[in-house]
Amino acid sequence: MQEQEQEPARPIPYLVRVWRFAGPALELTALMAAHQQREGLAVAAKALAVLGQSATVWFAGRERR
């Protein structure tokens, strides 16, 4: 049998690990604020969630180069 060479696992960047908790928390905040009819807070939380996800993907992509 041939042994396949495997690349060592890359460590998960700190920003990605933090975003795994912060992203869903912001999404939940937006959902709860919308349910309580606090449109300003809901829009702000959703905007931060989308911006944070975009920034995380961008920074994680830069680190892999």
PDB file of N, CA and C in Angstrom:
ATOM      1  N   MET A   1       0.830  -1.188   0.000  1.00  0.00           N
ATOM      2  CA  MET A   1       0.000   0.000   0.000  1.00  0.00           C
ATOM      3  C   MET A   1       0.873   1.249   0.000  1.00  0.00           C
ATOM      4  N   GLN A   2       0.402   2.225  -0.717  1.00  0.00           N
ATOM      5  CA  GLN A   2       1.127   3.482  -0.744  1.00  0.00           C
ATOM      6  C   GLN A   2       0.636   4.362   0.399  1.00  0.00           C
ATOM      7  N   GLU A   3       1.599   5.023   1.006  1.00  0.00           N
ATOM      8  CA  GLU A   3       1.222   5.969   2.043  1.00  0.00           C
ATOM      9  C   GLU A   3       1.040   7.340   1.399  1.00  0.00           C
ATOM     10  N   GLN A   4      -0.080   7.927   1.652  1.00  0.00           N
ATOM     11  CA  GLN A   4      -0.341   9.248   1.108  1.00  0.00           C
ATOM     12  C   GLN A   4       0.197  10.294   2.080  1.00  0.00           C
ATOM     13  N   GLU A   5       0.917  11.233   1.527  1.00  0.00           N
ATOM     14  CA  GLU A   5       1.430  12.305   2.359  1.00  0.00           C
ATOM     15  C   GLU A   5       0.302  13.291   2.645  1.00  0.00           C
ATOM     16  N   GLN A   6       0.178  13.614   3.898  1.00  0.00           N
ATOM     17  CA  GLN A   6      -0.850  14.567   4.298  1.00  0.00           C
ATOM     18  C   GLN A   6      -0.172  15.815   4.835  1.00  0.00           C
ATOM     19  N   GLU A   7      -0.755  16.926   4.474  1.00  0.00           N
ATOM     20  CA  GLU A   7      -0.236  18.182   5.001  1.00  0.00           C
ATOM     21  C   GLU A   7      -0.596  18.273   6.478  1.00  0.00           C
ATOM     22  N   PRO A   8       0.282  18.837   7.267  1.00  0.00           N
ATOM     23  CA  PRO A   8      -0.071  19.010   8.680  1.00  0.00           C
ATOM     24  C   PRO A   8      -1.258  19.972   8.807  1.00  0.00           C
ATOM     25  N   ALA A   9      -2.079  19.716   9.775  1.00  0.00           N
ATOM     26  CA  ALA A   9      -3.262  20.558   9.974  1.00  0.00           C
ATOM     27  C   ALA A   9      -2.838  21.970  10.348  1.00  0.00           C
ATOM     28  N   ARG A  10      -3.453  22.921   9.695  1.00  0.00           N
ATOM     29  CA  ARG A  10      -3.155  24.318  10.003  1.00  0.00           C
ATOM     30  C   ARG A  10      -3.927  24.723  11.246  1.00  0.00           C
ATOM     31  N   PRO A  11      -3.302  25.508  12.096  1.00  0.00           N
ATOM     32  CA  PRO A  11      -4.062  25.987  13.259  1.00  0.00           C
ATOM     33  C   PRO A  11      -5.147  26.960  12.815  1.00  0.00           C
ATOM     34  N   ILE A  12      -6.239  26.949  13.520  1.00  0.00           N
ATOM     35  CA  ILE A  12      -7.346  27.846  13.197  1.00  0.00           C
ATOM     36  C   ILE A  12      -6.980  29.248  13.684  1.00  0.00           C
ATOM     37  N   PRO A  13      -7.052  30.242  12.802  1.00  0.00           N
ATOM     38  CA  PRO A  13      -6.712  31.610  13.219  1.00  0.00           C
ATOM     39  C   PRO A  13      -7.602  32.084  14.372  1.00  0.00           C
ATOM     40  N   TYR A  14      -7.025  32.924  15.215  1.00  0.00           N
ATOM     41  CA  TYR A  14      -7.729  33.446  16.383  1.00  0.00           C
ATOM     42  C   TYR A  14      -9.017  34.150  15.994  1.00  0.00           C
ATOM     43  N   LEU A  15      -8.964  34.940  14.933  1.00  0.00           N
ATOM     44  CA  LEU A  15     -10.140  35.695  14.498  1.00  0.00           C
ATOM     45  C   LEU A  15     -11.292  34.751  14.134  1.00  0.00           C
ATOM     46  N   VAL A  16     -10.976  33.647  13.482  1.00  0.00           N
ATOM     47  CA  VAL A  16     -12.008  32.680  13.098  1.00  0.00           C
ATOM     48  C   VAL A  16     -12.611  32.030  14.343  1.00  0.00           C
ATOM     49  N   ARG A  17     -11.760  31.691  15.307  1.00  0.00           N
ATOM     50  CA  ARG A  17     -12.267  31.076  16.542  1.00  0.00           C
ATOM     51  C   ARG A  17     -13.186  32.032  17.289  1.00  0.00           C
ATOM     52  N   VAL A  18     -12.802  33.298  17.364  1.00  0.00           N
ATOM     53  CA  VAL A  18     -13.632  34.283  18.063  1.00  0.00           C
ATOM     54  C   VAL A  18     -14.947  34.483  17.320  1.00  0.00           C
ATOM     55  N   TRP A  19     -14.887  34.527  15.987  1.00  0.00           N
ATOM     56  CA  TRP A  19     -16.091  34.778  15.208  1.00  0.00           C
ATOM     57  C   TRP A  19     -17.103  33.649  15.326  1.00  0.00           C
ATOM     58  N   ARG A  20     -16.642  32.441  15.620  1.00  0.00           N
ATOM     59  CA  ARG A  20     -17.569  31.319  15.803  1.00  0.00           C
ATOM     60  C   ARG A  20     -18.550  31.576  16.940  1.00  0.00           C
ATOM     61  N   PHE A  21     -18.159  32.404  17.908  1.00  0.00           N
ATOM     62  CA  PHE A  21     -19.040  32.752  19.023  1.00  0.00           C
ATOM     63  C   PHE A  21     -19.711  34.105  18.811  1.00  0.00           C
ATOM     64  N   ALA A  22     -18.959  35.064  18.309  1.00  0.00           N
ATOM     65  CA  ALA A  22     -19.488  36.419  18.164  1.00  0.00           C
ATOM     66  C   ALA A  22     -20.548  36.504  17.067  1.00  0.00           C
ATOM     67  N   GLY A  23     -20.351  35.806  15.961  1.00  0.00           N
ATOM     68  CA  GLY A  23     -21.308  35.859  14.851  1.00  0.00           C
ATOM     69  C   GLY A  23     -22.702  35.410  15.253  1.00  0.00           C
ATOM     70  N   PRO A  24     -22.833  34.201  15.812  1.00  0.00           N
ATOM     71  CA  PRO A  24     -24.170  33.769  16.242  1.00  0.00           C
ATOM     72  C   PRO A  24     -24.760  34.650  17.340  1.00  0.00           C
ATOM     73  N   ALA A  25     -23.916  35.202  18.209  1.00  0.00           N
ATOM     74  CA  ALA A  25     -24.426  36.098  19.253  1.00  0.00           C
ATOM     75  C   ALA A  25     -25.038  37.354  18.636  1.00  0.00           C
ATOM     76  N   LEU A  26     -24.379  37.911  17.620  1.00  0.00           N
ATOM     77  CA  LEU A  26     -24.936  39.087  16.936  1.00  0.00           C
ATOM     78  C   LEU A  26     -26.209  38.738  16.178  1.00  0.00           C
ATOM     79  N   GLU A  27     -26.234  37.569  15.549  1.00  0.00           N
ATOM     80  CA  GLU A  27     -27.449  37.140  14.835  1.00  0.00           C
ATOM     81  C   GLU A  27     -28.615  36.982  15.809  1.00  0.00           C
ATOM     82  N   LEU A  28     -28.340  36.399  16.978  1.00  0.00           N
ATOM     83  CA  LEU A  28     -29.382  36.228  17.984  1.00  0.00           C
ATOM     84  C   LEU A  28     -29.851  37.584  18.514  1.00  0.00           C
ATOM     85  N   THR A  29     -28.916  38.498  18.709  1.00  0.00           N
ATOM     86  CA  THR A  29     -29.270  39.845  19.156  1.00  0.00           C
ATOM     87  C   THR A  29     -30.180  40.526  18.140  1.00  0.00           C
ATOM     88  N   ALA A  30     -29.846  40.387  16.863  1.00  0.00           N
ATOM     89  CA  ALA A  30     -30.676  40.986  15.813  1.00  0.00           C
ATOM     90  C   ALA A  30     -32.067  40.366  15.805  1.00  0.00           C
ATOM     91  N   LEU A  31     -32.135  39.051  15.967  1.00  0.00           N
ATOM     92  CA  LEU A  31     -33.435  38.366  15.976  1.00  0.00           C
ATOM     93  C   LEU A  31     -34.292  38.804  17.160  1.00  0.00           C
ATOM     94  N   MET A  32     -33.679  38.864  18.341  1.00  0.00           N
ATOM     95  CA  MET A  32     -34.434  39.261  19.532  1.00  0.00           C
ATOM     96  C   MET A  32     -34.863  40.727  19.457  1.00  0.00           C
ATOM     97  N   ALA A  33     -34.000  41.588  18.942  1.00  0.00           N
ATOM     98  CA  ALA A  33     -34.349  43.003  18.814  1.00  0.00           C
ATOM     99  C   ALA A  33     -35.496  43.186  17.819  1.00  0.00           C
ATOM    100  N   ALA A  34     -35.479  42.435  16.741  1.00  0.00           N
ATOM    101  CA  ALA A  34     -36.565  42.525  15.762  1.00  0.00           C
ATOM    102  C   ALA A  34     -37.872  42.035  16.383  1.00  0.00           C
ATOM    103  N   HIS A  35     -37.782  40.979  17.173  1.00  0.00           N
ATOM    104  CA  HIS A  35     -38.977  40.445  17.831  1.00  0.00           C
ATOM    105  C   HIS A  35     -39.564  41.466  18.808  1.00  0.00           C
ATOM    106  N   GLN A  36     -38.694  42.233  19.457  1.00  0.00           N
ATOM    107  CA  GLN A  36     -39.144  43.247  20.411  1.00  0.00           C
ATOM    108  C   GLN A  36     -39.417  44.594  19.728  1.00  0.00           C
ATOM    109  N   GLN A  37     -39.398  44.588  18.418  1.00  0.00           N
ATOM    110  CA  GLN A  37     -39.683  45.768  17.594  1.00  0.00           C
ATOM    111  C   GLN A  37     -38.724  46.921  17.889  1.00  0.00           C
ATOM    112  N   ARG A  38     -37.458  46.595  18.017  1.00  0.00           N
ATOM    113  CA  ARG A  38     -36.404  47.601  18.178  1.00  0.00           C
ATOM    114  C   ARG A  38     -35.597  47.587  16.890  1.00  0.00           C
ATOM    115  N   GLU A  39     -36.146  48.243  15.891  1.00  0.00           N
ATOM    116  CA  GLU A  39     -35.592  48.165  14.547  1.00  0.00           C
ATOM    117  C   GLU A  39     -34.151  48.663  14.460  1.00  0.00           C
ATOM    118  N   GLY A  40     -33.842  49.745  15.146  1.00  0.00           N
ATOM    119  CA  GLY A  40     -32.495  50.301  15.091  1.00  0.00           C
ATOM    120  C   GLY A  40     -31.450  49.311  15.588  1.00  0.00           C
ATOM    121  N   LEU A  41     -31.725  48.701  16.721  1.00  0.00           N
ATOM    122  CA  LEU A  41     -30.802  47.712  17.278  1.00  0.00           C
ATOM    123  C   LEU A  41     -30.714  46.484  16.381  1.00  0.00           C
ATOM    124  N   ALA A  42     -31.841  46.056  15.836  1.00  0.00           N
ATOM    125  CA  ALA A  42     -31.854  44.884  14.964  1.00  0.00           C
ATOM    126  C   ALA A  42     -31.010  45.121  13.713  1.00  0.00           C
ATOM    127  N   VAL A  43     -31.160  46.273  13.106  1.00  0.00           N
ATOM    128  CA  VAL A  43     -30.396  46.596  11.895  1.00  0.00           C
ATOM    129  C   VAL A  43     -28.913  46.707  12.212  1.00  0.00           C
ATOM    130  N   ALA A  44     -28.578  47.348  13.334  1.00  0.00           N
ATOM    131  CA  ALA A  44     -27.172  47.508  13.711  1.00  0.00           C
ATOM    132  C   ALA A  44     -26.524  46.156  13.993  1.00  0.00           C
ATOM    133  N   ALA A  45     -27.208  45.285  14.721  1.00  0.00           N
ATOM    134  CA  ALA A  45     -26.657  43.965  15.040  1.00  0.00           C
ATOM    135  C   ALA A  45     -26.484  43.123  13.775  1.00  0.00           C
ATOM    136  N   LYS A  46     -27.464  43.175  12.887  1.00  0.00           N
ATOM    137  CA  LYS A  46     -27.362  42.404  11.636  1.00  0.00           C
ATOM    138  C   LYS A  46     -26.231  42.950  10.765  1.00  0.00           C
ATOM    139  N   ALA A  47     -26.106  44.272  10.706  1.00  0.00           N
ATOM    140  CA  ALA A  47     -25.022  44.870   9.914  1.00  0.00           C
ATOM    141  C   ALA A  47     -23.661  44.467  10.471  1.00  0.00           C
ATOM    142  N   LEU A  48     -23.510  44.461  11.785  1.00  0.00           N
ATOM    143  CA  LEU A  48     -22.252  44.027  12.392  1.00  0.00           C
ATOM    144  C   LEU A  48     -21.981  42.552  12.125  1.00  0.00           C
ATOM    145  N   ALA A  49     -23.035  41.739  12.138  1.00  0.00           N
ATOM    146  CA  ALA A  49     -22.859  40.312  11.857  1.00  0.00           C
ATOM    147  C   ALA A  49     -22.374  40.095  10.425  1.00  0.00           C
ATOM    148  N   VAL A  50     -22.967  40.799   9.471  1.00  0.00           N
ATOM    149  CA  VAL A  50     -22.575  40.653   8.068  1.00  0.00           C
ATOM    150  C   VAL A  50     -21.164  41.205   7.841  1.00  0.00           C
ATOM    151  N   LEU A  51     -20.885  42.361   8.402  1.00  0.00           N
ATOM    152  CA  LEU A  51     -19.556  42.957   8.262  1.00  0.00           C
ATOM    153  C   LEU A  51     -18.487  42.073   8.910  1.00  0.00           C
ATOM    154  N   GLY A  52     -18.793  41.549  10.073  1.00  0.00           N
ATOM    155  CA  GLY A  52     -17.845  40.680  10.761  1.00  0.00           C
ATOM    156  C   GLY A  52     -17.564  39.407   9.990  1.00  0.00           C
ATOM    157  N   GLN A  53     -18.595  38.825   9.402  1.00  0.00           N
ATOM    158  CA  GLN A  53     -18.403  37.610   8.605  1.00  0.00           C
ATOM    159  C   GLN A  53     -17.547  37.899   7.381  1.00  0.00           C
ATOM    160  N   SER A  54     -17.819  39.000   6.732  1.00  0.00           N
ATOM    161  CA  SER A  54     -17.031  39.381   5.549  1.00  0.00           C
ATOM    162  C   SER A  54     -15.572  39.631   5.917  1.00  0.00           C
ATOM    163  N   ALA A  55     -15.352  40.341   7.014  1.00  0.00           N
ATOM    164  CA  ALA A  55     -13.987  40.628   7.451  1.00  0.00           C
ATOM    165  C   ALA A  55     -13.255  39.351   7.844  1.00  0.00           C
ATOM    166  N   THR A  56     -13.943  38.437   8.499  1.00  0.00           N
ATOM    167  CA  THR A  56     -13.324  37.172   8.905  1.00  0.00           C
ATOM    168  C   THR A  56     -12.898  36.364   7.696  1.00  0.00           C
ATOM    169  N   VAL A  57     -13.757  36.265   6.699  1.00  0.00           N
ATOM    170  CA  VAL A  57     -13.424  35.527   5.480  1.00  0.00           C
ATOM    171  C   VAL A  57     -12.249  36.181   4.767  1.00  0.00           C
ATOM    172  N   TRP A  58     -12.242  37.503   4.714  1.00  0.00           N
ATOM    173  CA  TRP A  58     -11.167  38.215   4.030  1.00  0.00           C
ATOM    174  C   TRP A  58      -9.837  38.022   4.749  1.00  0.00           C
ATOM    175  N   PHE A  59      -9.829  38.215   6.072  1.00  0.00           N
ATOM    176  CA  PHE A  59      -8.580  38.069   6.828  1.00  0.00           C
ATOM    177  C   PHE A  59      -8.092  36.632   6.833  1.00  0.00           C
ATOM    178  N   ALA A  60      -8.988  35.669   6.962  1.00  0.00           N
ATOM    179  CA  ALA A  60      -8.583  34.262   6.967  1.00  0.00           C
ATOM    180  C   ALA A  60      -7.995  33.895   5.603  1.00  0.00           C
ATOM    181  N   GLY A  61      -8.546  34.439   4.532  1.00  0.00           N
ATOM    182  CA  GLY A  61      -8.010  34.179   3.202  1.00  0.00           C
ATOM    183  C   GLY A  61      -6.621  34.762   3.020  1.00  0.00           C
ATOM    184  N   ARG A  62      -6.373  35.909   3.603  1.00  0.00           N
ATOM    185  CA  ARG A  62      -5.046  36.536   3.507  1.00  0.00           C
ATOM    186  C   ARG A  62      -4.009  35.734   4.275  1.00  0.00           C
ATOM    187  N   GLU A  63      -4.391  35.142   5.396  1.00  0.00           N
ATOM    188  CA  GLU A  63      -3.446  34.386   6.208  1.00  0.00           C
ATOM    189  C   GLU A  63      -3.021  33.086   5.526  1.00  0.00           C
ATOM    190  N   ARG A  64      -3.842  32.560   4.667  1.00  0.00           N
ATOM    191  CA  ARG A  64      -3.525  31.278   4.029  1.00  0.00           C
ATOM    192  C   ARG A  64      -2.582  31.410   2.849  1.00  0.00           C
ATOM    193  N   ARG A  65      -2.338  32.619   2.390  1.00  0.00           N
ATOM    194  CA  ARG A  65      -1.441  32.812   1.242  1.00  0.00           C
ATOM    195  C   ARG A  65      -0.010  32.600   1.612  1.00  0.00           C
TER     196      ARG A  65
END
